Amino acid sequence: MDESTFSLVETAVKMEPIIENEKRQAKLSAKSTISINLTSQKVEAIHRRRALSLETKAEIIREVESTKRQKNEIAKEYGISQSTLSTIYKNKDKIMNQYKCHNISLKRVRTSSIGEVEDSVLRWYRDACSKNASVSGPMVKTKAKELAQVLGRNEFKASNGWLERFKSRHNIHFKAGGKDKSSIGMAVVRDWQQHELPSILQQYSPRDIFVAGESGFLYHLLPDDLLRQKVENVPLPGQNKDRLTALLCCNMDGSEKEKLLLIGRFPNPRSFKGVKSLPVTYGSDKRALMNAILFEKWFLRFDEKMKWQQRKVLLFIDNCPAHHLNVFLQATEVRFLPPNTGMYHPLVQGVKQVTKCYYRRRLLQHALAETNVGERRIATVRDAADMLSWAWDSVSPVTIMGCFRKSGFIHPVTGDILINLEEYTHQAQVLNKLIAAYLQRCQITHKMSALEYIDIDEFLPICEETWNQTSSINEWVPHTTPQPNNDNTASSGVTSEDVDMEECGQPPPKPKDVLGLVRSLRTYFQSQENVPGQVFSALASIEDMALNKMTENTIKVPSFEPLHF
């Protein structure tokens, strides 16, 4: 081997480690590049991953349940993977509950470490809104502190930061005057009407779908009282004492109206002296409000009636605290209307207004017929019971069906029926004429519309106002049963200054006197034209009852000795 060749070999030997090292470096560099590329792809994929709002997740769940499309098609439409869609559908119950209770635009619902306090505050807040009460930020913070103390969460601080987070989680906004202007109520109602309500209604016939709700009555208030309050700026007389609450209940096709439950302040009003039967069911509460005890009694009677008729019925009620009962029902399914949506209650769409229109018409007719100028007879609770029962019976099925339809209750059997509220328009016109005649008799020059007179008691509370700052705080604590209120029993806690001042009822006539009255009434109606046959049928029924009463002690079935053979 010559010297040049040896030199080349020696150089190659020396370079071999360097070349190997360069190869190793190249391999490491290639791996690093691949790793970087893969990492960047993962990061890019993560950045591409969509954060879905509760509203979008709710849409996906409805899409899966209501269509026959493949899940991969739905996932592609919303730009998510099929595994993400499966996870969403797996958690559908949780998501739909969050959708109803939180801000629907939120993409992530963060739970609070003091959840039981927030749950209690939220229950208090929703009930306050359902009563159209003014609620402000300081009120919420004060109530939260009280509830936290009851729950033993002394570490809780109702700070401004907590309040803002609470409002954000539940989409709460306060406007001037303190009332919530949240759009969540409208969104939830529309969603409930379009997606949940139809499937609920189709399980029952219209005859077996009922709704119940309360309404307050200033039962003897006349137009001059209201005008005096407006002109002289004085309180309405008797708005705390002379008031009643009525529970109305009817079915969707208007074929059945349950007997009214009438709630007064006294267990035995003086006008009830000698009374053993009424056209209404009467109960008492010291503030004449619906409470859990009264509602439970009414509810169980309603359920027992449906069981006796061998029916399965559906009853819609609102979220009044008195309506939340833990009772065993045999024939009734209960559904609560969405919270904070009192304006969509079927009874509020016209049924209550027509009932009040009839009642105030009858009240004014009595005032015009029975009194002279300068005289005035105050209506009693017994008068109110008679007139309210008549007013409730007078509401037509057409009006009831129209009010259900106006609230979004569309049944597959009846379809989208025409909304007809002509009854309210006609009765309001009659009431306008009566108001004008009454004010003229009272020599009052100011005017009043039927609408003003009908709505004079819309501001009245109707259920126990447990949301109020002075109310029992335990109503809003979870897993707490309110203590029985002895004020709702016969000894209703009425003080010596808070007594029943209405006049006693007249002694009842004897059966012989009733027969004479029936003869006089029959003679009167026979002298009139176009008298409905029901009038004479009613007189015959009254006559029959009086005759049976007169002869029950004189006619005895003879007893026979047994014959022995």
Protein backbone atom coordinates (compact mmCIF):
# COMPACT_ATOMS: atom_id res chain seq x y z
CA MET A 1 0.00 0.00 0.00
CA ASP A 2 1.55 3.24 -1.12
CA GLU A 3 1.75 6.23 1.10
CA SER A 4 -1.21 8.11 -0.51
CA THR A 5 -3.54 5.17 -0.17
CA PHE A 6 -2.57 4.68 3.44
CA SER A 7 -3.25 8.35 4.08
CA LEU A 8 -6.78 8.05 2.62
CA VAL A 9 -7.55 4.99 4.74
CA GLU A 10 -6.28 6.71 7.83
CA THR A 11 -8.44 9.76 7.09
CA ALA A 12 -11.52 7.57 6.53
CA VAL A 13 -10.97 5.81 9.84
CA LYS A 14 -10.69 9.14 11.61
CA MET A 15 -13.86 10.48 9.90
CA GLU A 16 -16.02 7.43 10.63
CA PRO A 17 -16.96 8.49 14.22
CA ILE A 18 -17.76 11.97 12.99
CA ILE A 19 -20.04 10.61 10.25
CA GLU A 20 -21.78 8.29 12.69
CA ASN A 21 -22.30 11.17 15.06
CA GLU A 22 -23.77 13.29 12.27
CA LYS A 23 -26.14 10.45 11.37
CA ARG A 24 -27.26 10.19 14.96
CA GLN A 25 -27.82 13.95 15.10
CA ALA A 26 -29.81 13.80 11.88
CA LYS A 27 -32.03 11.03 13.27
CA LEU A 28 -32.61 12.97 16.49
CA SER A 29 -33.42 16.08 14.49
CA ALA A 30 -35.95 14.16 12.38
CA LYS A 31 -37.63 12.72 15.47
CA SER A 32 -37.77 16.16 17.04
CA THR A 33 -39.35 17.59 13.91
CA ILE A 34 -41.97 14.83 13.85
CA SER A 35 -42.70 15.40 17.55
CA ILE A 36 -43.03 19.12 17.03
CA ASN A 37 -45.36 18.55 14.09
CA LEU A 38 -47.49 16.12 16.07
CA THR A 39 -47.62 18.50 19.04
CA SER A 40 -48.62 21.40 16.83
CA GLN A 41 -51.33 19.25 15.27
CA LYS A 42 -52.64 18.38 18.72
CA VAL A 43 -52.56 22.02 19.78
CA GLU A 44 -54.32 22.96 16.57
CA ALA A 45 -56.93 20.28 17.21
CA ILE A 46 -57.39 21.56 20.72
CA HIS A 47 -57.83 25.09 19.44
CA ARG A 48 -60.34 23.80 16.91
CA ARG A 49 -62.38 22.06 19.62
CA ARG A 50 -65.66 23.97 20.06
CA ALA A 51 -66.99 25.20 23.38
CA LEU A 52 -70.73 24.68 23.08
CA SER A 53 -73.28 26.80 24.90
CA LEU A 54 -76.10 25.24 26.93
CA GLU A 55 -78.54 26.36 24.26
CA THR A 56 -76.56 24.53 21.54
CA LYS A 57 -76.27 21.39 23.67
CA ALA A 58 -80.02 21.47 24.26
CA GLU A 59 -80.57 21.76 20.49
CA ILE A 60 -78.30 18.75 19.90
CA ILE A 61 -80.21 16.67 22.46
CA ARG A 62 -83.55 17.56 20.87
CA GLU A 63 -82.13 16.81 17.42
CA VAL A 64 -81.06 13.32 18.54
CA GLU A 65 -84.43 12.58 20.18
CA SER A 66 -86.76 14.07 17.60
CA THR A 67 -85.15 12.95 14.30
CA LYS A 68 -84.12 9.67 12.74
CA ARG A 69 -80.82 11.03 11.47
CA GLN A 70 -77.58 9.25 12.21
CA LYS A 71 -75.56 10.61 15.11
CA ASN A 72 -72.49 11.08 12.92
CA GLU A 73 -74.53 13.36 10.63
CA ILE A 74 -75.69 15.47 13.57
CA ALA A 75 -72.14 15.62 14.95
CA LYS A 76 -70.81 16.77 11.57
CA GLU A 77 -73.51 19.46 11.34
CA TYR A 78 -72.49 20.93 14.70
CA GLY A 79 -68.75 20.51 14.06
CA ILE A 80 -68.11 18.07 16.89
CA SER A 81 -66.88 14.51 17.13
CA GLN A 82 -69.27 11.63 17.56
CA SER A 83 -67.77 10.87 20.98
CA THR A 84 -68.52 14.45 22.08
CA LEU A 85 -72.12 14.05 20.90
CA SER A 86 -72.42 10.78 22.81
CA THR A 87 -71.11 12.47 25.96
CA ILE A 88 -73.62 15.30 25.58
CA TYR A 89 -76.52 12.88 25.13
CA LYS A 90 -75.35 10.74 28.03
CA ASN A 91 -75.58 13.80 30.29
CA LYS A 92 -78.85 15.05 28.77
CA ASP A 93 -80.78 15.24 32.07
CA LYS A 94 -78.08 17.34 33.72
CA ILE A 95 -77.72 19.58 30.67
CA MET A 96 -81.47 20.20 30.32
CA ASN A 97 -81.74 21.08 34.01
CA GLN A 98 -78.86 23.52 33.63
CA TYR A 99 -80.47 24.91 30.48
CA LYS A 100 -83.65 25.72 32.40
CA CYS A 101 -81.94 27.13 35.46
CA HIS A 102 -78.88 28.96 34.14
CA ASN A 103 -77.89 31.51 31.57
CA ILE A 104 -78.38 29.64 28.28
CA SER A 105 -75.47 31.48 26.65
CA LEU A 106 -73.00 30.09 29.19
CA LYS A 107 -70.57 27.56 27.75
CA ARG A 108 -69.50 26.28 31.13
CA VAL A 109 -71.48 26.09 34.35
CA ARG A 110 -69.24 26.51 37.35
CA THR A 111 -70.65 25.09 40.55
CA SER A 112 -70.38 27.04 43.77
CA SER A 113 -68.67 25.68 46.86
CA ILE A 114 -71.70 26.86 48.84
CA GLY A 115 -74.29 25.34 46.56
CA GLU A 116 -76.95 24.75 49.22
CA VAL A 117 -76.94 28.46 50.10
CA GLU A 118 -77.29 29.45 46.45
CA ASP A 119 -80.05 26.90 45.89
CA SER A 120 -82.00 28.37 48.80
CA VAL A 121 -81.44 31.94 47.58
CA LEU A 122 -82.54 30.94 44.07
CA ARG A 123 -85.76 29.38 45.38
CA TRP A 124 -86.51 32.56 47.35
CA TYR A 125 -85.72 34.74 44.33
CA ARG A 126 -87.89 32.77 41.90
CA ASP A 127 -90.89 32.86 44.19
CA ALA A 128 -90.46 36.61 44.69
CA CYS A 129 -90.45 37.06 40.91
CA SER A 130 -93.51 34.85 40.50
CA LYS A 131 -95.38 37.31 42.76
CA ASN A 132 -94.11 40.27 40.71
CA ALA A 133 -92.23 41.54 43.78
CA SER A 134 -89.44 44.11 43.58
CA VAL A 135 -86.07 42.43 44.14
CA SER A 136 -82.74 44.26 44.28
CA GLY A 137 -79.11 43.30 44.75
CA PRO A 138 -78.97 44.36 48.43
CA MET A 139 -82.13 42.34 49.12
CA VAL A 140 -80.54 39.24 47.59
CA LYS A 141 -77.35 39.71 49.65
CA THR A 142 -79.32 40.19 52.87
CA LYS A 143 -81.43 37.09 52.24
CA ALA A 144 -78.30 35.08 51.35
CA LYS A 145 -76.68 35.99 54.69
CA GLU A 146 -79.79 34.93 56.60
CA LEU A 147 -80.01 31.61 54.76
CA ALA A 148 -76.29 30.93 55.24
CA GLN A 149 -76.66 31.39 59.00
CA VAL A 150 -79.60 28.99 59.13
CA LEU A 151 -77.59 26.44 57.14
CA GLY A 152 -74.56 26.84 59.43
CA ARG A 153 -72.37 28.23 56.65
CA ASN A 154 -70.93 31.09 58.70
CA GLU A 155 -67.93 31.35 56.39
CA PHE A 156 -70.18 32.54 53.57
CA LYS A 157 -69.67 36.17 52.55
CA ALA A 158 -72.40 37.82 50.49
CA SER A 159 -69.92 40.06 48.69
CA ASN A 160 -70.48 42.06 45.53
CA GLY A 161 -68.32 39.55 43.68
CA TRP A 162 -70.48 36.65 44.83
CA LEU A 163 -73.62 38.55 43.80
CA GLU A 164 -72.26 39.18 40.29
CA ARG A 165 -71.29 35.52 39.89
CA PHE A 166 -74.70 34.42 41.19
CA LYS A 167 -76.45 36.72 38.72
CA SER A 168 -74.27 35.47 35.86
CA ARG A 169 -74.85 31.80 36.69
CA HIS A 170 -78.62 32.26 36.70
CA ASN A 171 -78.96 35.05 34.11
CA ILE A 172 -80.43 37.53 36.56
CA HIS A 173 -80.56 41.24 35.73
CA PHE A 174 -82.17 43.97 37.78
CA LYS A 175 -83.85 46.96 36.23
CA ALA A 176 -84.99 50.23 37.76
CA GLY A 177 -87.51 49.42 40.45
CA GLY A 178 -85.75 46.18 41.28
CA LYS A 179 -87.72 43.76 39.09
CA ASP A 180 -85.93 41.16 37.03
CA LYS A 181 -85.83 41.79 33.32
CA SER A 182 -84.20 38.47 32.48
CA SER A 183 -84.84 37.07 29.05
CA ILE A 184 -84.37 33.53 30.32
CA GLY A 185 -88.06 33.37 31.29
CA MET A 186 -89.25 34.01 27.76
CA ALA A 187 -86.68 31.62 26.28
CA VAL A 188 -87.57 28.83 28.67
CA VAL A 189 -91.31 29.34 28.14
CA ARG A 190 -90.95 29.22 24.36
CA ASP A 191 -88.82 26.10 24.62
CA TRP A 192 -91.30 24.51 27.04
CA GLN A 193 -94.30 25.38 24.84
CA GLN A 194 -92.67 24.09 21.65
CA HIS A 195 -90.86 20.97 22.84
CA GLU A 196 -92.12 19.72 26.21
CA LEU A 197 -95.77 20.76 26.42
CA PRO A 198 -97.02 18.98 23.25
CA SER A 199 -95.66 15.61 24.39
CA ILE A 200 -97.25 16.12 27.83
CA LEU A 201 -100.67 17.08 26.46
CA GLN A 202 -100.92 14.20 24.00
CA GLN A 203 -100.92 11.71 26.90
CA TYR A 204 -104.33 12.98 28.08
CA SER A 205 -107.62 14.01 26.52
CA PRO A 206 -108.61 17.71 26.83
CA ARG A 207 -111.32 16.68 29.31
CA ASP A 208 -108.65 15.28 31.67
CA ILE A 209 -106.25 18.24 31.54
CA PHE A 210 -106.87 20.72 34.39
CA VAL A 211 -105.30 23.95 35.57
CA ALA A 212 -105.69 25.60 38.99
CA GLY A 213 -104.77 29.02 40.31
CA GLU A 214 -105.64 31.61 42.94
CA SER A 215 -107.01 35.14 42.65
CA GLY A 216 -107.53 37.84 45.28
CA PHE A 217 -110.84 39.68 45.73
CA LEU A 218 -111.71 42.93 47.49
CA TYR A 219 -115.20 41.59 47.70
CA HIS A 220 -117.33 44.62 48.62
CA LEU A 221 -115.35 47.43 46.96
CA LEU A 222 -117.48 49.74 44.79
CA PRO A 223 -116.41 52.31 42.15
CA ASP A 224 -116.71 55.30 44.50
CA ASP A 225 -114.16 53.66 46.84
CA LEU A 226 -111.64 53.42 44.04
CA LEU A 227 -112.25 56.98 42.83
CA ARG A 228 -111.88 58.31 46.36
CA GLN A 229 -108.54 56.53 46.60
CA LYS A 230 -107.37 58.04 43.30
CA VAL A 231 -108.64 61.59 43.87
CA GLU A 232 -107.99 61.96 47.60
CA ASN A 233 -104.94 59.66 47.67
CA VAL A 234 -106.28 57.60 50.56
CA PRO A 235 -105.85 53.83 51.03
CA LEU A 236 -108.49 51.54 49.63
CA PRO A 237 -110.88 50.55 52.43
CA GLY A 238 -110.51 47.01 53.67
CA GLN A 239 -107.63 45.98 51.40
CA ASN A 240 -106.11 44.03 54.29
CA LYS A 241 -109.27 43.08 56.20
CA ASP A 242 -112.11 42.76 53.71
CA ARG A 243 -110.48 40.52 51.19
CA LEU A 244 -110.82 36.93 50.02
CA THR A 245 -108.74 34.52 47.98
CA ALA A 246 -110.44 32.13 45.57
CA LEU A 247 -108.92 29.00 44.03
CA LEU A 248 -110.23 28.40 40.50
CA CYS A 249 -109.83 25.07 38.72
CA CYS A 250 -111.15 24.01 35.30
CA ASN A 251 -110.30 21.61 32.50
CA MET A 252 -108.98 22.36 29.03
CA ASP A 253 -112.23 21.99 27.07
CA GLY A 254 -114.22 24.02 29.61
CA SER A 255 -116.62 21.18 30.33
CA GLU A 256 -115.76 21.02 34.05
CA LYS A 257 -115.28 23.78 36.61
CA GLU A 258 -114.44 22.63 40.12
CA LYS A 259 -116.30 24.08 43.09
CA LEU A 260 -114.54 27.26 44.22
CA LEU A 261 -112.32 27.16 47.29
CA LEU A 262 -112.91 30.50 49.03
CA ILE A 263 -110.46 31.63 51.73
CA GLY A 264 -111.43 34.27 54.29
CA ARG A 265 -109.85 35.61 57.46
CA PHE A 266 -112.29 34.12 59.96
CA PRO A 267 -113.22 30.46 60.50
CA ASN A 268 -116.88 31.35 61.09
CA PRO A 269 -117.85 34.78 59.74
CA ARG A 270 -120.86 36.31 61.44
CA SER A 271 -122.83 36.16 58.19
CA PHE A 272 -122.47 32.35 58.30
CA LYS A 273 -124.69 32.10 61.38
CA GLY A 274 -127.20 29.34 60.76
CA VAL A 275 -125.53 28.40 57.45
CA LYS A 276 -124.88 24.69 56.88
CA SER A 277 -124.43 24.61 53.09
CA LEU A 278 -122.64 26.97 50.70
CA PRO A 279 -122.11 26.96 46.92
CA VAL A 280 -118.35 27.14 47.62
CA THR A 281 -115.86 25.33 49.84
CA TYR A 282 -114.81 27.74 52.59
CA GLY A 283 -111.49 27.83 54.47
CA SER A 284 -109.76 30.38 56.68
CA ASP A 285 -106.32 31.89 57.10
CA LYS A 286 -105.59 34.92 59.29
CA ARG A 287 -104.46 36.85 56.19
CA ALA A 288 -106.94 35.20 53.80
CA LEU A 289 -104.05 33.70 51.81
CA MET A 290 -103.59 30.25 50.34
CA ASN A 291 -101.41 28.07 52.54
CA ALA A 292 -100.12 24.51 52.36
CA ILE A 293 -102.74 23.12 54.77
CA LEU A 294 -105.71 24.49 52.83
CA PHE A 295 -104.25 23.51 49.47
CA GLU A 296 -103.49 19.97 50.62
CA LYS A 297 -107.09 19.47 51.79
CA TRP A 298 -108.46 20.76 48.48
CA PHE A 299 -105.93 18.75 46.47
CA LEU A 300 -106.68 15.45 48.18
CA ARG A 301 -110.43 15.96 47.68
CA PHE A 302 -109.81 16.67 44.00
CA ASP A 303 -107.70 13.52 43.64
CA GLU A 304 -110.27 11.41 45.49
CA LYS A 305 -113.01 12.69 43.18
CA MET A 306 -111.00 11.70 40.09
CA LYS A 307 -110.28 8.29 41.58
CA TRP A 308 -113.98 7.78 42.28
CA GLN A 309 -114.71 8.68 38.63
CA GLN A 310 -112.05 6.14 37.57
CA ARG A 311 -110.04 8.78 35.74
CA LYS A 312 -106.36 9.64 35.38
CA VAL A 313 -105.95 13.40 35.06
CA LEU A 314 -103.21 15.99 34.66
CA LEU A 315 -103.16 19.14 36.79
CA PHE A 316 -101.04 22.21 35.99
CA ILE A 317 -100.26 24.57 38.89
CA ASP A 318 -97.76 27.37 39.44
CA ASN A 319 -94.77 27.42 41.79
CA CYS A 320 -96.50 29.03 44.75
CA PRO A 321 -94.80 27.64 47.92
CA ALA A 322 -98.16 26.40 49.20
CA HIS A 323 -98.43 24.11 46.15
CA HIS A 324 -95.30 22.08 46.94
CA LEU A 325 -96.70 19.11 48.82
CA ASN A 326 -95.45 15.65 49.64
CA VAL A 327 -98.69 13.68 49.32
CA PHE A 328 -99.65 10.39 47.73
CA LEU A 329 -101.88 10.92 44.70
CA GLN A 330 -103.90 8.10 43.20
CA ALA A 331 -105.42 9.64 40.08
CA THR A 332 -103.62 12.94 39.46
CA GLU A 333 -100.33 13.77 37.77
CA VAL A 334 -99.03 17.21 38.77
CA ARG A 335 -97.00 19.45 36.48
CA PHE A 336 -95.59 22.81 37.56
CA LEU A 337 -95.66 25.65 35.08
CA PRO A 338 -92.21 27.14 34.31
CA PRO A 339 -91.05 29.56 37.02
CA ASN A 340 -91.45 33.33 36.63
CA THR A 341 -94.07 32.90 33.89
CA GLY A 342 -97.30 33.87 35.64
CA MET A 343 -98.45 35.85 32.60
CA TYR A 344 -98.65 32.58 30.59
CA HIS A 345 -100.99 30.89 33.08
CA PRO A 346 -104.22 29.92 31.22
CA LEU A 347 -106.38 31.42 33.97
CA VAL A 348 -104.56 34.76 33.70
CA GLN A 349 -105.22 34.95 29.95
CA GLY A 350 -108.87 35.89 30.56
CA VAL A 351 -110.62 33.36 32.82
CA LYS A 352 -109.93 35.30 36.03
CA GLN A 353 -110.84 38.59 34.36
CA VAL A 354 -114.18 37.30 33.06
CA THR A 355 -114.99 35.85 36.50
CA LYS A 356 -114.26 39.19 38.16
CA CYS A 357 -116.27 40.98 35.50
CA TYR A 358 -119.33 38.86 36.28
CA TYR A 359 -118.79 39.29 40.02
CA ARG A 360 -118.51 43.08 39.92
CA ARG A 361 -121.49 43.25 37.60
CA ARG A 362 -123.61 41.37 40.16
CA LEU A 363 -122.21 43.47 43.02
CA LEU A 364 -123.15 46.70 41.23
CA GLN A 365 -126.59 45.38 40.31
CA HIS A 366 -127.30 44.71 43.99
CA ALA A 367 -125.96 48.14 44.93
CA LEU A 368 -128.27 49.81 42.40
CA ALA A 369 -131.31 47.69 43.25
CA GLU A 370 -131.13 47.64 47.05
CA THR A 371 -129.94 51.08 48.11
CA ASN A 372 -131.13 54.65 47.91
CA VAL A 373 -128.92 57.70 47.48
CA GLY A 374 -126.81 58.13 50.61
CA GLU A 375 -127.42 54.55 51.78
CA ARG A 376 -125.15 51.62 51.30
CA ARG A 377 -125.33 47.98 52.30
CA ILE A 378 -121.94 46.32 52.72
CA ALA A 379 -121.66 42.91 51.08
CA THR A 380 -120.85 40.08 53.49
CA VAL A 381 -118.66 37.02 53.01
CA ARG A 382 -121.82 34.98 52.47
CA ASP A 383 -122.94 37.44 49.77
CA ALA A 384 -119.50 37.16 48.17
CA ALA A 385 -119.67 33.35 48.24
CA ASP A 386 -123.05 33.40 46.45
CA MET A 387 -121.98 35.97 43.85
CA LEU A 388 -118.57 34.40 43.18
CA SER A 389 -120.12 30.98 42.71
CA TRP A 390 -122.58 32.44 40.21
CA ALA A 391 -119.80 34.36 38.42
CA TRP A 392 -117.63 31.23 38.14
CA ASP A 393 -120.54 29.16 36.82
CA SER A 394 -121.24 31.87 34.23
CA VAL A 395 -117.82 31.66 32.52
CA SER A 396 -118.35 29.89 29.19
CA PRO A 397 -116.39 26.88 27.89
CA VAL A 398 -115.48 28.90 24.78
CA THR A 399 -113.67 31.48 26.91
CA ILE A 400 -111.81 28.78 28.84
CA MET A 401 -110.70 27.00 25.66
CA GLY A 402 -109.55 30.30 24.17
CA CYS A 403 -107.46 31.11 27.25
CA PHE A 404 -105.76 27.71 27.14
CA ARG A 405 -104.97 28.28 23.48
CA LYS A 406 -103.67 31.78 24.20
CA SER A 407 -101.24 30.25 26.71
CA GLY A 408 -99.84 27.85 24.10
CA PHE A 409 -101.84 24.78 25.16
CA ILE A 410 -102.60 23.20 21.77
CA HIS A 411 -103.95 19.66 21.95
CA PRO A 412 -103.60 17.25 18.98
CA VAL A 413 -107.33 16.47 19.19
CA THR A 414 -108.65 20.03 19.15
CA GLY A 415 -105.84 21.53 17.07
CA ASP A 416 -105.18 25.24 16.76
CA ILE A 417 -108.66 26.51 17.68
CA LEU A 418 -109.73 30.11 17.19
CA ILE A 419 -109.22 32.31 20.24
CA ASN A 420 -112.62 33.75 21.17
CA LEU A 421 -112.83 36.22 24.06
CA GLU A 422 -116.06 37.93 23.02
CA GLU A 423 -117.60 37.08 26.40
CA TYR A 424 -115.13 39.37 28.16
CA THR A 425 -115.76 42.21 25.70
CA HIS A 426 -119.54 41.93 26.09
CA GLN A 427 -119.50 41.71 29.88
CA ALA A 428 -117.08 44.66 30.08
CA GLN A 429 -119.53 46.75 28.05
CA VAL A 430 -122.36 45.83 30.44
CA LEU A 431 -120.13 46.67 33.40
CA ASN A 432 -119.24 50.06 31.89
CA LYS A 433 -122.94 50.98 31.79
CA LEU A 434 -123.50 49.84 35.37
CA ILE A 435 -120.49 51.84 36.60
CA ALA A 436 -121.79 54.98 34.89
CA ALA A 437 -125.25 54.49 36.42
CA TYR A 438 -123.83 53.91 39.89
CA LEU A 439 -121.55 56.97 39.76
CA GLN A 440 -124.46 59.08 38.52
CA ARG A 441 -126.57 57.92 41.48
CA CYS A 442 -123.71 58.78 43.83
CA GLN A 443 -123.47 62.21 42.14
CA ILE A 444 -119.83 61.62 41.19
CA THR A 445 -118.64 63.33 38.00
CA HIS A 446 -115.39 61.40 37.59
CA LYS A 447 -115.38 58.48 35.17
CA MET A 448 -114.09 54.94 35.52
CA SER A 449 -113.64 52.14 33.02
CA ALA A 450 -114.62 48.52 33.50
CA LEU A 451 -110.95 47.51 33.19
CA GLU A 452 -109.99 49.75 36.13
CA TYR A 453 -112.75 48.28 38.26
CA ILE A 454 -111.96 44.69 37.32
CA ASP A 455 -108.25 45.03 38.11
CA ILE A 456 -108.51 46.87 41.45
CA ASP A 457 -107.33 43.81 43.38
CA GLU A 458 -104.65 42.52 41.02
CA PHE A 459 -101.98 43.74 43.44
CA LEU A 460 -103.21 41.48 46.26
CA PRO A 461 -100.91 38.64 47.39
CA ILE A 462 -102.60 35.27 47.06
CA CYS A 463 -100.20 32.78 48.68
CA GLU A 464 -98.18 32.86 51.86
CA GLU A 465 -95.51 35.48 51.14
CA THR A 466 -92.65 33.35 52.40
CA TRP A 467 -90.24 35.23 50.16
CA ASN A 468 -90.73 38.39 52.21
CA GLN A 469 -87.93 39.63 54.46
CA THR A 470 -90.11 39.15 57.55
CA SER A 471 -91.24 35.64 56.63
CA SER A 472 -90.05 32.31 57.94
CA ILE A 473 -86.53 31.79 56.65
CA ASN A 474 -86.86 28.00 56.96
CA GLU A 475 -89.20 27.91 53.94
CA TRP A 476 -86.16 28.24 51.66
CA VAL A 477 -83.75 25.90 53.44
CA PRO A 478 -83.45 22.54 51.63
CA HIS A 479 -84.85 19.45 53.35
CA THR A 480 -86.70 21.58 55.88
CA THR A 481 -90.40 21.03 56.55
CA PRO A 482 -92.27 24.19 57.60
CA GLN A 483 -93.85 23.99 61.01
CA PRO A 484 -97.65 23.78 61.04
CA ASN A 485 -99.21 27.20 61.36
CA ASN A 486 -101.89 27.22 64.03
CA ASP A 487 -103.21 30.44 62.52
CA ASN A 488 -104.91 28.36 59.84
CA THR A 489 -107.10 26.45 62.24
CA ALA A 490 -110.36 27.46 63.83
CA SER A 491 -108.46 29.43 66.49
CA SER A 492 -106.82 31.58 63.84
CA GLY A 493 -104.80 33.86 66.11
CA VAL A 494 -107.13 36.82 65.61
CA THR A 495 -106.49 39.55 68.15
CA SER A 496 -109.09 41.53 70.05
CA GLU A 497 -108.59 44.41 67.63
CA ASP A 498 -108.92 42.14 64.62
CA VAL A 499 -112.51 40.96 64.84
CA ASP A 500 -115.22 40.16 62.36
CA MET A 501 -117.29 43.33 62.04
CA GLU A 502 -119.68 42.26 59.29
CA GLU A 503 -123.37 42.03 60.00
CA CYS A 504 -124.95 38.78 61.11
CA GLY A 505 -126.88 36.79 58.59
CA GLN A 506 -130.65 36.88 58.68
CA PRO A 507 -132.39 33.91 60.32
CA PRO A 508 -133.31 31.30 57.70
CA PRO A 509 -136.96 31.14 56.58
CA LYS A 510 -139.06 28.13 57.43
CA PRO A 511 -140.03 25.59 54.72
CA LYS A 512 -143.56 26.99 54.68
CA ASP A 513 -142.18 30.47 53.92
CA VAL A 514 -140.00 29.02 51.16
CA LEU A 515 -143.06 27.53 49.47
CA GLY A 516 -144.72 30.93 49.52
CA LEU A 517 -141.64 32.52 47.97
CA VAL A 518 -141.54 29.86 45.25
CA ARG A 519 -145.18 30.53 44.37
CA SER A 520 -144.47 34.27 44.18
CA LEU A 521 -141.39 33.72 42.02
CA ARG A 522 -143.23 31.35 39.73
CA THR A 523 -146.04 33.88 39.30
CA TYR A 524 -143.53 36.62 38.54
CA PHE A 525 -141.57 34.66 35.92
CA GLN A 526 -144.76 33.37 34.28
CA SER A 527 -145.72 37.00 33.67
CA GLN A 528 -142.47 37.64 31.78
CA GLU A 529 -141.55 36.78 28.20
CA ASN A 530 -138.74 34.49 26.98
CA VAL A 531 -137.92 33.01 30.38
CA PRO A 532 -135.46 30.07 30.06
CA GLY A 533 -136.82 26.68 31.04
CA GLN A 534 -133.97 26.25 33.54
CA VAL A 535 -135.60 28.92 35.74
CA PHE A 536 -138.79 26.91 36.17
CA SER A 537 -136.76 23.71 36.66
CA ALA A 538 -134.80 25.39 39.45
CA LEU A 539 -138.02 26.59 41.11
CA ALA A 540 -139.43 23.07 40.92
CA SER A 541 -136.30 21.69 42.59
CA ILE A 542 -136.55 24.28 45.38
CA GLU A 543 -140.22 23.47 45.85
CA ASP A 544 -139.43 19.76 46.01
CA MET A 545 -136.78 20.28 48.72
CA ALA A 546 -139.13 22.45 50.80
CA LEU A 547 -142.02 19.95 50.53
CA ASN A 548 -139.77 17.03 51.46
CA LYS A 549 -138.54 18.93 54.50
CA MET A 550 -142.11 19.73 55.58
CA THR A 551 -143.35 16.18 55.22
CA GLU A 552 -140.32 14.19 56.40
CA ASN A 553 -141.67 14.02 59.97
CA THR A 554 -145.29 13.32 59.03
CA ILE A 555 -144.80 10.55 56.50
CA LYS A 556 -143.43 7.44 58.12
CA VAL A 557 -143.07 4.05 56.53
CA PRO A 558 -145.27 1.68 58.54
CA SER A 559 -143.48 -1.14 60.22
CA PHE A 560 -144.94 -4.64 59.90
CA GLU A 561 -144.67 -7.46 62.34
CA PRO A 562 -143.16 -10.55 60.76
CA LEU A 563 -145.66 -13.24 59.85
CA HIS A 564 -145.16 -16.61 61.42
CA PHE A 565 -146.39 -19.69 59.65
